[in-house]
Amino acid sequence: MGIRPASIIYLRLRKQVGLPPGSPIKLGDVARVLAEPDQEAKLLSLVLVRPESRDGNLIVIDMLHVIRVIREQFPEIQVEFVGEPHVLVELVSKEKKPSPILFVLVWLLLFFGAALTIMNFHADVSMPEVQVRIVEMITGERDEHPYLFQAAYSMGLGLGMIVFFNHLFKKNWNEEPTPLEVEMFLYQENLNHYIIAEEYKKMPNDSVREKAP
């Protein structure tokens, strides 16, 4: 009688997921699984960690822990990992709607802050004098208050910012990320790397959590 070959499943851990606090973390929450149809449902419902209050709101689950939990429940399965060696789980509560008063205050703060920044920059580079000189070169007459040119310049400045940031309210002109989105992505990546490194320091030497099912 021949030896039955081990079943092979393929796993890809996500980089980061957000889950509600108090609920167990299952394999289907943190990974994509490619397996036989009769095995996939059981694997997706497999509990990896039961968070406790002392864990805080950030939990790192690495592939060694995932492999151990799977092999304890399904010893005949061979696990093949693809991609990330760990996943960062953030336990997040339901978001509250922002206060309209707070929204207006923040909007006014950003509006006047941006306006003062632009005005101070224009004062540093003598922009009013430059605009007067440009109008004089175009019309041949000197106008100390070229309001028409300044109005067109102000509108062009606003349109240029919209094009540069590729964003108007909730609408994007194309699928390219804005410079702000790229910077936020890089900041989040660096923050995640730091959190993961700190969480690994807190793990036991064998990197195994004893809170699995």
Protein backbone atom coordinates (compact mmCIF):
# COMPACT_ATOMS: atom_id res chain seq x y z
CA MET A 1 0.00 0.00 0.00
CA GLY A 2 1.53 3.30 -1.13
CA ILE A 3 2.03 6.35 1.08
CA ARG A 4 -0.56 9.07 0.47
CA PRO A 5 1.16 12.27 -0.65
CA ALA A 6 0.71 15.34 1.55
CA SER A 7 -1.72 18.00 0.40
CA ILE A 8 -0.11 21.29 -0.55
CA ILE A 9 -1.68 24.67 0.17
CA TYR A 10 -0.39 28.09 -0.79
CA LEU A 11 -0.62 31.09 1.53
CA ARG A 12 -0.04 34.80 0.97
CA LEU A 13 -0.14 36.98 4.08
CA ARG A 14 -1.49 40.48 3.73
CA LYS A 15 0.71 43.39 4.80
CA GLN A 16 -1.77 45.00 7.16
CA VAL A 17 -5.39 44.43 8.14
CA GLY A 18 -7.84 46.15 10.45
CA LEU A 19 -10.19 44.08 12.58
CA PRO A 20 -12.69 44.92 15.32
CA PRO A 21 -11.37 44.40 18.87
CA GLY A 22 -12.54 41.41 20.90
CA SER A 23 -12.91 39.01 18.00
CA PRO A 24 -10.51 36.10 17.28
CA ILE A 25 -8.10 36.54 14.39
CA LYS A 26 -8.72 33.87 11.75
CA LEU A 27 -6.55 32.77 8.88
CA GLY A 28 -9.06 34.14 6.39
CA ASP A 29 -8.73 37.59 7.96
CA VAL A 30 -5.00 37.88 7.39
CA ALA A 31 -4.18 35.71 4.38
CA ARG A 32 -5.27 34.49 0.97
CA VAL A 33 -5.41 30.72 0.71
CA LEU A 34 -5.18 28.46 -2.32
CA ALA A 35 -6.21 24.90 -1.42
CA GLU A 36 -8.58 22.11 -2.32
CA PRO A 37 -12.24 23.16 -2.05
CA ASP A 38 -12.92 20.77 0.83
CA GLN A 39 -9.98 22.20 2.79
CA GLU A 40 -10.23 25.88 2.00
CA ALA A 41 -13.30 26.65 4.13
CA LYS A 42 -11.80 24.92 7.19
CA LEU A 43 -8.50 26.72 6.75
CA LEU A 44 -10.08 30.15 6.39
CA SER A 45 -11.99 29.68 9.65
CA LEU A 46 -8.90 28.51 11.54
CA VAL A 47 -8.24 30.72 14.59
CA LEU A 48 -4.65 31.97 14.81
CA VAL A 49 -4.75 34.33 17.80
CA ARG A 50 -7.26 35.31 20.45
CA PRO A 51 -6.28 38.89 21.32
CA GLU A 52 -6.11 39.91 24.96
CA SER A 53 -6.20 43.36 26.50
CA ARG A 54 -2.46 43.23 27.30
CA ASP A 55 -1.68 42.85 23.58
CA GLY A 56 -2.75 46.40 22.82
CA ASN A 57 -4.22 47.32 19.46
CA LEU A 58 -1.31 46.14 17.28
CA ILE A 59 -0.45 42.46 16.81
CA VAL A 60 2.17 40.93 14.53
CA ILE A 61 1.55 37.41 13.24
CA ASP A 62 4.46 35.77 11.44
CA MET A 63 4.51 32.83 9.07
CA LEU A 64 6.12 30.46 11.59
CA HIS A 65 3.15 30.87 13.91
CA VAL A 66 0.71 30.35 11.03
CA ILE A 67 2.52 27.17 9.91
CA ARG A 68 2.51 25.76 13.44
CA VAL A 69 -1.23 26.36 13.93
CA ILE A 70 -2.05 24.78 10.58
CA ARG A 71 0.14 21.73 11.20
CA GLU A 72 -1.40 21.21 14.64
CA GLN A 73 -4.87 21.03 13.13
CA PHE A 74 -3.98 19.49 9.76
CA PRO A 75 -0.71 17.50 10.07
CA GLU A 76 -1.10 16.05 6.57
CA ILE A 77 -0.96 19.49 4.93
CA GLN A 78 2.23 20.98 3.51
CA VAL A 79 2.29 24.78 3.56
CA GLU A 80 3.96 26.86 0.87
CA PHE A 81 4.34 30.56 1.67
CA VAL A 82 4.35 33.32 -0.92
CA GLY A 83 5.06 37.00 -0.25
CA GLU A 84 5.19 38.71 3.14
CA PRO A 85 6.67 36.82 6.13
CA HIS A 86 4.35 38.57 8.58
CA VAL A 87 1.13 40.57 8.82
CA LEU A 88 0.36 43.55 11.03
CA VAL A 89 -3.11 43.36 12.58
CA GLU A 90 -4.62 46.58 13.92
CA LEU A 91 -7.60 46.29 16.22
CA VAL A 92 -9.74 49.30 15.39
CA SER A 93 -13.01 50.42 16.92
CA LYS A 94 -15.87 51.73 14.83
CA GLU A 95 -15.04 55.20 13.54
CA LYS A 96 -17.10 58.05 14.86
CA LYS A 97 -18.44 60.72 12.55
CA PRO A 98 -16.33 63.88 12.80
CA SER A 99 -17.86 66.86 14.55
CA PRO A 100 -19.03 69.54 12.05
CA ILE A 101 -17.66 72.27 14.31
CA LEU A 102 -14.26 70.58 14.51
CA PHE A 103 -14.27 70.08 10.73
CA VAL A 104 -14.95 73.78 10.13
CA LEU A 105 -12.23 74.83 12.58
CA VAL A 106 -9.64 72.56 10.96
CA TRP A 107 -10.69 73.74 7.48
CA LEU A 108 -10.33 77.40 8.48
CA LEU A 109 -6.95 76.70 10.10
CA LEU A 110 -5.63 75.00 6.96
CA PHE A 111 -7.13 77.65 4.65
CA PHE A 112 -5.63 80.67 6.42
CA GLY A 113 -2.37 78.82 7.09
CA ALA A 114 -1.95 78.03 3.39
CA ALA A 115 -2.93 81.58 2.43
CA LEU A 116 -0.37 83.11 4.80
CA THR A 117 2.31 80.74 3.52
CA ILE A 118 1.68 81.77 -0.09
CA MET A 119 1.59 85.48 0.77
CA ASN A 120 4.82 85.28 2.77
CA PHE A 121 6.53 83.46 -0.11
CA HIS A 122 5.36 86.13 -2.58
CA ALA A 123 6.62 88.85 -0.26
CA ASP A 124 10.04 87.16 -0.01
CA VAL A 125 10.48 87.02 -3.80
CA SER A 126 8.95 90.49 -4.43
CA MET A 127 6.11 89.03 -6.47
CA PRO A 128 4.05 92.27 -6.62
CA GLU A 129 6.95 94.11 -8.26
CA VAL A 130 7.49 91.19 -10.65
CA GLN A 131 3.83 91.27 -11.68
CA VAL A 132 3.95 95.01 -12.26
CA ARG A 133 7.06 94.54 -14.43
CA ILE A 134 5.45 91.72 -16.44
CA VAL A 135 2.34 93.83 -17.17
CA GLU A 136 4.58 96.74 -18.20
CA MET A 137 6.49 94.49 -20.60
CA ILE A 138 3.24 93.22 -22.17
CA THR A 139 1.23 96.48 -22.39
CA GLY A 140 4.02 99.07 -22.51
CA GLU A 141 2.40 100.97 -19.64
CA ARG A 142 3.25 100.80 -15.95
CA ASP A 143 0.34 99.90 -13.68
CA GLU A 144 1.08 99.80 -9.96
CA HIS A 145 -2.06 97.71 -9.34
CA PRO A 146 -2.51 95.17 -12.17
CA TYR A 147 -5.67 93.63 -10.68
CA LEU A 148 -6.65 91.77 -13.87
CA PHE A 149 -3.28 90.07 -14.11
CA GLN A 150 -3.26 89.28 -10.39
CA ALA A 151 -6.76 87.77 -10.57
CA ALA A 152 -5.73 85.55 -13.49
CA TYR A 153 -2.55 84.59 -11.65
CA SER A 154 -4.51 83.65 -8.51
CA MET A 155 -6.93 81.44 -10.47
CA GLY A 156 -4.02 79.83 -12.32
CA LEU A 157 -2.29 79.15 -9.02
CA GLY A 158 -5.38 77.35 -7.72
CA LEU A 159 -5.84 75.33 -10.91
CA GLY A 160 -2.16 74.44 -10.90
CA MET A 161 -2.46 73.06 -7.38
CA ILE A 162 -5.48 70.97 -8.41
CA VAL A 163 -3.59 69.54 -11.38
CA PHE A 164 -0.43 68.93 -9.30
CA PHE A 165 -2.28 67.10 -6.53
CA ASN A 166 -4.59 65.36 -9.02
CA HIS A 167 -7.50 65.79 -6.61
CA LEU A 168 -10.62 67.92 -6.30
CA PHE A 169 -12.72 67.08 -3.23
CA LYS A 170 -13.33 63.31 -3.71
CA LYS A 171 -12.62 63.23 -7.45
CA ASN A 172 -9.32 62.18 -9.04
CA TRP A 173 -8.52 63.17 -12.61
CA ASN A 174 -6.69 59.87 -13.25
CA GLU A 175 -5.43 56.81 -11.41
CA GLU A 176 -1.98 58.21 -10.64
CA PRO A 177 -1.35 58.76 -6.92
CA THR A 178 -0.90 62.32 -5.73
CA PRO A 179 2.42 63.44 -4.21
CA LEU A 180 0.68 63.65 -0.83
CA GLU A 181 -0.62 60.08 -1.18
CA VAL A 182 2.88 58.84 -2.05
CA GLU A 183 4.37 60.57 1.00
CA MET A 184 1.62 59.17 3.24
CA PHE A 185 2.27 55.69 1.82
CA LEU A 186 6.01 55.95 2.53
CA TYR A 187 5.31 57.24 6.03
CA GLN A 188 2.91 54.34 6.72
CA GLU A 189 5.45 51.82 5.38
CA ASN A 190 8.19 53.17 7.67
CA LEU A 191 5.79 53.24 10.60
CA ASN A 192 4.77 49.62 9.98
CA HIS A 193 8.39 48.49 9.77
CA TYR A 194 9.13 50.14 13.10
CA ILE A 195 6.06 48.64 14.78
CA ILE A 196 6.86 45.16 13.44
CA ALA A 197 10.46 45.39 14.65
CA GLU A 198 9.28 46.45 18.12
CA GLU A 199 6.66 43.70 18.26
CA TYR A 200 9.27 41.06 17.32
CA LYS A 201 11.36 42.18 20.28
CA LYS A 202 8.46 41.40 22.61
CA MET A 203 7.94 37.89 21.21
CA PRO A 204 9.43 34.80 22.90
CA ASN A 205 12.61 33.39 21.44
CA ASP A 206 10.71 30.78 19.43
CA SER A 207 8.44 33.51 17.99
CA VAL A 208 5.40 31.46 18.85
CA ARG A 209 2.33 32.78 20.55
CA GLU A 210 0.77 30.53 23.09
CA LYS A 211 -2.65 32.10 22.67
CA ALA A 212 -3.62 30.18 19.57
CA PRO A 213 -6.84 28.15 19.78
